N, C-alpha and C. Protein backbone atom coordinates (compact mmCIF):
# COMPACT_ATOMS: atom_id res chain seq x y z
N MET A 1 88.36 63.84 -85.70
CA MET A 1 88.52 65.10 -84.99
C MET A 1 89.25 66.07 -85.90
N THR A 2 88.72 67.26 -86.06
CA THR A 2 89.37 68.30 -86.85
C THR A 2 89.41 69.58 -86.04
N CYS A 3 90.26 70.47 -86.46
CA CYS A 3 90.44 71.74 -85.78
C CYS A 3 90.00 72.86 -86.71
N ASP A 4 89.01 73.63 -86.31
CA ASP A 4 88.50 74.74 -87.12
C ASP A 4 88.15 74.29 -88.54
N ARG A 5 87.54 73.15 -88.67
CA ARG A 5 87.11 72.58 -89.94
C ARG A 5 88.26 72.22 -90.87
N ASN A 6 89.48 72.40 -90.43
CA ASN A 6 90.65 71.99 -91.20
C ASN A 6 91.13 70.65 -90.66
N PRO A 7 91.71 69.84 -91.52
CA PRO A 7 92.26 68.58 -91.01
C PRO A 7 93.37 68.87 -90.00
N LEU A 8 93.54 67.96 -89.07
CA LEU A 8 94.61 68.10 -88.10
C LEU A 8 95.96 67.92 -88.78
N PRO A 9 97.00 68.57 -88.27
CA PRO A 9 98.35 68.27 -88.77
C PRO A 9 98.63 66.79 -88.61
N PRO A 10 99.39 66.20 -89.53
CA PRO A 10 99.64 64.75 -89.48
C PRO A 10 100.17 64.24 -88.15
N VAL A 11 101.08 64.97 -87.52
CA VAL A 11 101.64 64.53 -86.24
C VAL A 11 100.53 64.42 -85.18
N ILE A 12 99.65 65.40 -85.14
CA ILE A 12 98.58 65.41 -84.15
C ILE A 12 97.56 64.31 -84.44
N SER A 13 97.21 64.15 -85.69
CA SER A 13 96.27 63.10 -86.08
C SER A 13 96.83 61.72 -85.75
N ALA A 14 98.10 61.50 -86.05
CA ALA A 14 98.73 60.20 -85.77
C ALA A 14 98.81 59.92 -84.27
N ALA A 15 99.14 60.94 -83.48
CA ALA A 15 99.21 60.75 -82.02
C ALA A 15 97.82 60.43 -81.46
N PHE A 16 96.80 61.14 -81.94
CA PHE A 16 95.44 60.89 -81.47
C PHE A 16 95.00 59.47 -81.84
N ASP A 17 95.28 59.06 -83.07
CA ASP A 17 94.92 57.70 -83.50
C ASP A 17 95.64 56.64 -82.66
N TYR A 18 96.92 56.87 -82.37
CA TYR A 18 97.68 55.93 -81.56
C TYR A 18 97.08 55.85 -80.14
N TRP A 19 96.79 57.00 -79.54
CA TRP A 19 96.19 57.04 -78.21
C TRP A 19 94.86 56.28 -78.20
N LYS A 20 94.01 56.52 -79.21
CA LYS A 20 92.73 55.82 -79.30
C LYS A 20 92.93 54.31 -79.41
N SER A 21 93.96 53.88 -80.13
CA SER A 21 94.22 52.45 -80.31
C SER A 21 94.60 51.77 -79.00
N LYS A 22 94.99 52.53 -78.01
CA LYS A 22 95.42 51.99 -76.71
C LYS A 22 94.31 52.04 -75.65
N LEU A 23 93.13 52.54 -76.01
CA LEU A 23 92.05 52.67 -75.03
C LEU A 23 91.55 51.32 -74.51
N ASP A 24 91.38 50.36 -75.38
CA ASP A 24 90.95 49.01 -74.99
C ASP A 24 89.69 49.06 -74.10
N GLY A 25 88.72 49.89 -74.51
CA GLY A 25 87.46 49.99 -73.78
C GLY A 25 87.49 50.89 -72.57
N ARG A 26 88.62 51.53 -72.31
CA ARG A 26 88.75 52.41 -71.15
C ARG A 26 88.60 53.87 -71.56
N LEU A 27 88.43 54.73 -70.59
CA LEU A 27 88.33 56.17 -70.83
C LEU A 27 89.66 56.73 -71.31
N MET A 28 90.76 56.19 -70.79
CA MET A 28 92.10 56.63 -71.17
C MET A 28 93.09 55.51 -70.90
N PRO A 29 94.13 55.43 -71.71
CA PRO A 29 95.15 54.40 -71.47
C PRO A 29 96.10 54.83 -70.36
N ALA A 30 96.94 53.91 -69.95
CA ALA A 30 98.00 54.18 -68.98
C ALA A 30 99.31 54.41 -69.73
N ARG A 31 100.27 55.01 -69.07
CA ARG A 31 101.59 55.21 -69.67
C ARG A 31 102.18 53.86 -70.07
N ARG A 32 101.97 52.84 -69.27
CA ARG A 32 102.54 51.51 -69.55
C ARG A 32 101.99 50.90 -70.84
N ASP A 33 100.87 51.41 -71.34
CA ASP A 33 100.28 50.91 -72.58
C ASP A 33 101.01 51.44 -73.83
N LEU A 34 101.75 52.51 -73.66
CA LEU A 34 102.43 53.14 -74.79
C LEU A 34 103.77 52.49 -75.04
N ASN A 35 104.07 52.24 -76.30
CA ASN A 35 105.34 51.63 -76.68
C ASN A 35 106.04 52.54 -77.68
N PRO A 36 107.11 53.23 -77.27
CA PRO A 36 107.79 54.15 -78.18
C PRO A 36 108.25 53.49 -79.48
N CYS A 37 108.53 52.19 -79.45
CA CYS A 37 108.96 51.49 -80.67
C CYS A 37 107.87 51.45 -81.73
N GLN A 38 106.62 51.65 -81.32
CA GLN A 38 105.50 51.63 -82.26
C GLN A 38 105.29 52.99 -82.95
N ILE A 39 105.91 54.04 -82.44
CA ILE A 39 105.67 55.39 -82.97
C ILE A 39 106.96 56.20 -83.12
N PRO A 40 108.00 55.62 -83.73
CA PRO A 40 109.28 56.33 -83.78
C PRO A 40 109.22 57.68 -84.49
N SER A 41 108.38 57.82 -85.50
CA SER A 41 108.31 59.09 -86.22
C SER A 41 107.64 60.20 -85.41
N LEU A 42 106.86 59.82 -84.39
CA LEU A 42 106.18 60.81 -83.54
C LEU A 42 107.05 61.30 -82.40
N LEU A 43 108.00 60.49 -81.95
CA LEU A 43 108.76 60.79 -80.74
C LEU A 43 109.37 62.19 -80.71
N PRO A 44 109.92 62.71 -81.80
CA PRO A 44 110.50 64.06 -81.72
C PRO A 44 109.48 65.16 -81.42
N TYR A 45 108.21 64.88 -81.60
CA TYR A 45 107.15 65.89 -81.44
C TYR A 45 106.29 65.68 -80.19
N LEU A 46 106.72 64.77 -79.33
CA LEU A 46 105.92 64.44 -78.15
C LEU A 46 106.49 65.04 -76.87
N ILE A 47 105.58 65.35 -75.96
CA ILE A 47 105.92 65.80 -74.61
C ILE A 47 105.14 64.91 -73.65
N LEU A 48 105.81 64.43 -72.64
CA LEU A 48 105.15 63.66 -71.59
C LEU A 48 105.25 64.48 -70.30
N THR A 49 104.09 64.75 -69.71
CA THR A 49 104.01 65.63 -68.54
C THR A 49 103.42 64.88 -67.36
N ASP A 50 104.08 64.98 -66.20
CA ASP A 50 103.53 64.45 -64.96
C ASP A 50 102.52 65.44 -64.40
N VAL A 51 101.42 64.93 -63.86
CA VAL A 51 100.43 65.76 -63.17
C VAL A 51 100.77 65.70 -61.69
N CYS A 52 101.04 66.85 -61.09
CA CYS A 52 101.36 66.95 -59.67
C CYS A 52 100.15 67.50 -58.93
N ARG A 53 100.00 67.09 -57.71
CA ARG A 53 98.88 67.56 -56.89
C ARG A 53 99.41 68.08 -55.56
N ASP A 54 98.62 68.92 -54.92
CA ASP A 54 98.94 69.47 -53.59
C ASP A 54 100.31 70.09 -53.50
N PRO A 55 100.58 71.21 -54.09
CA PRO A 55 99.68 72.03 -54.89
C PRO A 55 99.66 71.56 -56.35
N PRO A 56 98.63 71.95 -57.08
CA PRO A 56 98.55 71.58 -58.50
C PRO A 56 99.76 72.14 -59.27
N ASP A 57 100.33 71.30 -60.09
CA ASP A 57 101.45 71.71 -60.95
C ASP A 57 101.65 70.62 -61.99
N PHE A 58 102.55 70.84 -62.89
CA PHE A 58 102.89 69.88 -63.93
C PHE A 58 104.40 69.86 -64.05
N ARG A 59 104.96 68.69 -64.43
CA ARG A 59 106.41 68.57 -64.58
C ARG A 59 106.71 67.90 -65.92
N TYR A 60 107.62 68.52 -66.65
CA TYR A 60 108.04 67.93 -67.92
C TYR A 60 108.86 66.68 -67.64
N ARG A 61 108.34 65.52 -68.03
CA ARG A 61 109.05 64.26 -67.85
C ARG A 61 109.92 63.96 -69.07
N LEU A 62 109.39 64.24 -70.25
CA LEU A 62 110.11 63.95 -71.49
C LEU A 62 109.70 64.99 -72.53
N ILE A 63 110.67 65.48 -73.29
CA ILE A 63 110.38 66.45 -74.35
C ILE A 63 111.11 65.99 -75.60
N GLY A 64 110.37 65.82 -76.69
CA GLY A 64 110.95 65.35 -77.95
C GLY A 64 111.98 66.32 -78.52
N THR A 65 112.86 65.79 -79.34
CA THR A 65 113.98 66.57 -79.86
C THR A 65 113.54 67.75 -80.73
N GLN A 66 112.47 67.61 -81.50
CA GLN A 66 112.00 68.72 -82.33
C GLN A 66 111.40 69.83 -81.48
N VAL A 67 110.75 69.46 -80.38
CA VAL A 67 110.19 70.45 -79.47
C VAL A 67 111.33 71.20 -78.78
N VAL A 68 112.34 70.47 -78.32
CA VAL A 68 113.51 71.11 -77.70
C VAL A 68 114.20 72.03 -78.71
N ALA A 69 114.33 71.58 -79.95
CA ALA A 69 114.99 72.41 -80.97
C ALA A 69 114.25 73.72 -81.20
N GLN A 70 112.92 73.67 -81.21
CA GLN A 70 112.14 74.90 -81.42
C GLN A 70 112.21 75.82 -80.20
N ALA A 71 112.29 75.24 -79.01
CA ALA A 71 112.36 76.04 -77.78
C ALA A 71 113.78 76.54 -77.50
N CYS A 72 114.76 75.91 -78.15
CA CYS A 72 116.17 76.22 -77.92
C CYS A 72 116.59 75.97 -76.47
N ARG A 73 115.83 75.10 -75.79
CA ARG A 73 116.15 74.76 -74.41
C ARG A 73 115.38 73.50 -74.05
N ASP A 74 116.00 72.66 -73.23
CA ASP A 74 115.36 71.45 -72.76
C ASP A 74 114.83 71.68 -71.35
N TYR A 75 113.51 71.65 -71.20
CA TYR A 75 112.87 71.89 -69.91
C TYR A 75 112.59 70.60 -69.14
N THR A 76 113.12 69.47 -69.59
CA THR A 76 112.89 68.19 -68.92
C THR A 76 113.22 68.29 -67.43
N GLY A 77 112.29 67.81 -66.60
CA GLY A 77 112.46 67.81 -65.16
C GLY A 77 111.94 69.07 -64.47
N MET A 78 111.65 70.11 -65.23
CA MET A 78 111.19 71.37 -64.64
C MET A 78 109.68 71.36 -64.44
N ARG A 79 109.25 72.04 -63.40
CA ARG A 79 107.83 72.23 -63.16
C ARG A 79 107.36 73.47 -63.91
N PHE A 80 106.11 73.41 -64.35
CA PHE A 80 105.54 74.54 -65.08
C PHE A 80 105.59 75.81 -64.23
N SER A 81 105.36 75.68 -62.93
CA SER A 81 105.33 76.84 -62.04
C SER A 81 106.70 77.53 -61.94
N GLN A 82 107.76 76.86 -62.36
CA GLN A 82 109.10 77.44 -62.33
C GLN A 82 109.37 78.33 -63.54
N LEU A 83 108.53 78.26 -64.54
CA LEU A 83 108.78 78.95 -65.80
C LEU A 83 107.76 80.07 -66.01
N ASP A 84 108.23 81.21 -66.45
CA ASP A 84 107.34 82.37 -66.64
C ASP A 84 106.22 82.10 -67.64
N HIS A 85 106.53 81.40 -68.73
CA HIS A 85 105.57 81.23 -69.82
C HIS A 85 104.63 80.03 -69.67
N THR A 86 104.80 79.22 -68.60
CA THR A 86 103.96 78.03 -68.43
C THR A 86 103.25 77.98 -67.08
N GLY A 87 103.39 79.00 -66.27
CA GLY A 87 102.81 79.00 -64.93
C GLY A 87 101.30 79.13 -64.94
N PRO A 88 100.72 79.14 -63.73
CA PRO A 88 99.26 79.27 -63.61
C PRO A 88 98.75 80.48 -64.40
N GLY A 89 97.66 80.27 -65.10
CA GLY A 89 97.08 81.33 -65.91
C GLY A 89 97.51 81.29 -67.37
N SER A 90 98.61 80.60 -67.66
CA SER A 90 99.06 80.50 -69.06
C SER A 90 98.17 79.53 -69.82
N THR A 91 98.16 79.65 -71.13
CA THR A 91 97.40 78.72 -71.98
C THR A 91 97.88 77.29 -71.76
N VAL A 92 99.19 77.11 -71.68
CA VAL A 92 99.78 75.78 -71.50
C VAL A 92 99.26 75.15 -70.20
N TRP A 93 99.20 75.92 -69.14
CA TRP A 93 98.71 75.43 -67.84
C TRP A 93 97.21 75.14 -67.92
N GLN A 94 96.44 76.09 -68.44
CA GLN A 94 94.98 75.95 -68.48
C GLN A 94 94.54 74.77 -69.35
N ASP A 95 95.23 74.55 -70.47
CA ASP A 95 94.90 73.39 -71.32
C ASP A 95 95.07 72.09 -70.54
N ARG A 96 96.14 71.97 -69.80
CA ARG A 96 96.38 70.74 -69.07
C ARG A 96 95.43 70.58 -67.88
N ILE A 97 95.08 71.68 -67.24
CA ILE A 97 94.06 71.62 -66.17
C ILE A 97 92.75 71.06 -66.75
N ARG A 98 92.42 71.52 -67.96
CA ARG A 98 91.19 71.04 -68.61
C ARG A 98 91.25 69.54 -68.88
N VAL A 99 92.41 69.04 -69.28
CA VAL A 99 92.57 67.60 -69.50
C VAL A 99 92.36 66.85 -68.19
N VAL A 100 92.96 67.34 -67.11
CA VAL A 100 92.82 66.69 -65.80
C VAL A 100 91.37 66.68 -65.35
N GLU A 101 90.69 67.81 -65.50
CA GLU A 101 89.30 67.92 -65.03
C GLU A 101 88.32 67.11 -65.88
N THR A 102 88.50 67.12 -67.20
CA THR A 102 87.54 66.45 -68.09
C THR A 102 87.92 65.00 -68.38
N ARG A 103 89.20 64.67 -68.21
CA ARG A 103 89.75 63.36 -68.56
C ARG A 103 89.55 63.04 -70.04
N ARG A 104 89.58 64.09 -70.85
CA ARG A 104 89.37 63.98 -72.30
C ARG A 104 90.51 64.70 -73.03
N PRO A 105 90.78 64.33 -74.29
CA PRO A 105 91.78 65.05 -75.08
C PRO A 105 91.38 66.51 -75.29
N VAL A 106 92.38 67.35 -75.40
CA VAL A 106 92.17 68.78 -75.64
C VAL A 106 93.06 69.22 -76.80
N LEU A 107 92.43 69.77 -77.84
CA LEU A 107 93.18 70.40 -78.93
C LEU A 107 93.55 71.81 -78.50
N THR A 108 94.71 72.28 -78.93
CA THR A 108 95.16 73.60 -78.51
C THR A 108 95.95 74.30 -79.61
N THR A 109 95.88 75.59 -79.60
CA THR A 109 96.71 76.43 -80.47
C THR A 109 97.24 77.60 -79.63
N PRO A 110 98.16 77.29 -78.72
CA PRO A 110 98.68 78.35 -77.85
C PRO A 110 99.52 79.34 -78.65
N PRO A 111 99.70 80.54 -78.13
CA PRO A 111 100.57 81.49 -78.82
C PRO A 111 102.01 80.96 -78.81
N TYR A 112 102.72 81.16 -79.90
CA TYR A 112 104.12 80.73 -79.97
C TYR A 112 105.00 81.89 -79.53
N HIS A 113 105.73 81.67 -78.43
CA HIS A 113 106.63 82.69 -77.92
C HIS A 113 108.08 82.23 -78.00
N GLY A 114 108.32 81.20 -78.78
CA GLY A 114 109.67 80.65 -78.85
C GLY A 114 110.65 81.57 -79.56
N PRO A 115 111.92 81.25 -79.40
CA PRO A 115 112.97 82.10 -79.96
C PRO A 115 113.26 81.87 -81.44
N LYS A 116 112.67 80.86 -82.04
CA LYS A 116 112.98 80.52 -83.43
C LYS A 116 112.23 81.39 -84.41
N ALA A 117 112.95 82.00 -85.32
CA ALA A 117 112.32 82.73 -86.42
C ALA A 117 111.79 81.69 -87.41
N GLY A 118 110.80 82.07 -88.17
CA GLY A 118 110.27 81.17 -89.18
C GLY A 118 109.13 80.29 -88.71
N ILE A 119 108.71 80.46 -87.46
CA ILE A 119 107.58 79.69 -86.94
C ILE A 119 106.38 80.63 -86.84
N ALA A 120 105.33 80.31 -87.57
CA ALA A 120 104.12 81.15 -87.57
C ALA A 120 103.21 80.78 -86.41
N GLY A 121 103.23 79.53 -85.99
CA GLY A 121 102.34 79.11 -84.92
C GLY A 121 102.62 77.69 -84.49
N VAL A 122 101.89 77.28 -83.48
CA VAL A 122 102.03 75.94 -82.93
C VAL A 122 100.63 75.42 -82.62
N SER A 123 100.46 74.13 -82.77
CA SER A 123 99.20 73.50 -82.38
C SER A 123 99.56 72.18 -81.72
N GLY A 124 98.61 71.67 -80.97
CA GLY A 124 98.89 70.42 -80.27
C GLY A 124 97.63 69.74 -79.81
N ILE A 125 97.84 68.54 -79.31
CA ILE A 125 96.76 67.79 -78.67
C ILE A 125 97.31 67.22 -77.38
N HIS A 126 96.55 67.40 -76.29
CA HIS A 126 96.90 66.86 -74.98
C HIS A 126 96.02 65.63 -74.76
N LEU A 127 96.67 64.51 -74.45
CA LEU A 127 95.98 63.22 -74.33
C LEU A 127 96.17 62.68 -72.91
N PRO A 128 95.08 62.46 -72.18
CA PRO A 128 95.20 62.01 -70.80
C PRO A 128 95.66 60.56 -70.69
N LEU A 129 96.46 60.30 -69.65
CA LEU A 129 96.90 58.96 -69.30
C LEU A 129 96.60 58.72 -67.83
N SER A 130 96.25 57.48 -67.49
CA SER A 130 95.87 57.18 -66.12
C SER A 130 96.34 55.79 -65.73
N SER A 131 97.09 55.70 -64.65
CA SER A 131 97.55 54.39 -64.19
C SER A 131 96.45 53.61 -63.48
N ASP A 132 95.43 54.31 -62.95
CA ASP A 132 94.34 53.61 -62.26
C ASP A 132 93.04 53.59 -63.06
N GLY A 133 93.05 54.15 -64.27
CA GLY A 133 91.87 54.16 -65.13
C GLY A 133 90.87 55.25 -64.83
N ASP A 134 91.15 56.06 -63.79
CA ASP A 134 90.20 57.09 -63.39
C ASP A 134 90.83 58.48 -63.24
N THR A 135 92.01 58.55 -62.64
CA THR A 135 92.68 59.81 -62.35
C THR A 135 93.77 60.08 -63.37
N VAL A 136 93.76 61.25 -63.97
CA VAL A 136 94.82 61.62 -64.92
C VAL A 136 96.10 61.87 -64.13
N ASP A 137 97.13 61.05 -64.40
CA ASP A 137 98.40 61.26 -63.71
C ASP A 137 99.53 61.65 -64.66
N MET A 138 99.28 61.52 -65.96
CA MET A 138 100.23 61.98 -66.98
C MET A 138 99.44 62.49 -68.17
N ILE A 139 100.11 63.34 -68.95
CA ILE A 139 99.49 63.86 -70.17
C ILE A 139 100.51 63.72 -71.29
N LEU A 140 100.09 63.08 -72.37
CA LEU A 140 100.89 62.95 -73.58
C LEU A 140 100.47 64.06 -74.53
N THR A 141 101.41 64.85 -74.98
CA THR A 141 101.13 65.97 -75.88
C THR A 141 101.89 65.77 -77.18
N ALA A 142 101.21 65.95 -78.29
CA ALA A 142 101.84 65.97 -79.61
C ALA A 142 101.80 67.41 -80.11
N VAL A 143 102.92 67.89 -80.65
CA VAL A 143 103.06 69.28 -81.05
C VAL A 143 103.40 69.36 -82.54
N ALA A 144 102.74 70.28 -83.22
CA ALA A 144 103.04 70.56 -84.63
C ALA A 144 103.38 72.04 -84.77
N PHE A 145 104.45 72.33 -85.47
CA PHE A 145 104.86 73.71 -85.70
C PHE A 145 104.50 74.11 -87.12
N THR A 146 103.94 75.32 -87.28
CA THR A 146 103.56 75.82 -88.59
C THR A 146 104.61 76.83 -89.03
N PRO A 147 105.28 76.54 -90.13
CA PRO A 147 106.30 77.49 -90.59
C PRO A 147 105.67 78.73 -91.23
N VAL A 148 106.42 79.82 -91.19
CA VAL A 148 106.00 81.04 -91.88
C VAL A 148 106.09 80.75 -93.37
N LEU A 149 105.03 81.10 -94.08
CA LEU A 149 105.02 80.91 -95.53
C LEU A 149 105.84 82.02 -96.17
N LYS A 150 106.70 81.62 -97.07
CA LYS A 150 107.50 82.59 -97.80
C LYS A 150 106.77 82.98 -99.06
N THR A 151 106.78 84.26 -99.36
CA THR A 151 106.12 84.74 -100.57
C THR A 151 107.11 84.76 -101.72
N LEU A 152 106.59 84.49 -102.87
CA LEU A 152 107.42 84.54 -104.08
C LEU A 152 107.45 85.97 -104.58
N GLY A 153 108.55 86.37 -105.03
CA GLY A 153 108.53 87.73 -105.49
C GLY A 153 109.73 88.12 -106.13
C-alpha cells in the first residue's frame, strides 16, 4: 500500500503490517489480538478510538505520547463530538465513518491544525478492529508527522 505513489511513512507502514499480521484469515482483528509489547516503537504514534453508536460518535480511548506532544493536549476519554476540530463533518470524523462503513483500512492526510510550529503536515492510517469479526467497534490509528523542511542559506 502506498500513498500518492510515494512510500508510506515508516510508522504507518509498520502499523499496517502489524495489523495485517493479526488478521488470521479474518476481515479485521480484534483489540484482544494486539499486544503492545510486540510494537513498542509504534506506541507513541498510535491512537485507539472507540466506535459509539446511537448516536454515532467516537471516543479517544488511548493516545500515544508523540500524538499528545504534537497536540499539546491529551484528549483521552473525550468524544469527537465534544471537540470543535473533530466533530461531524470534519476530516477526522469522516475518515473514521468510512472505516466503520467499509470495514477496511483508510489512509488519510487531514489538515494539520495543531499548535506546534515546525509541522508541515500529518498523515495516518485508520485500521478497523472488531470483537465479533463483523462490526467495527474500535479503530487503531497510526500517525506520522511531517516536519517543515528548513532551507539552507
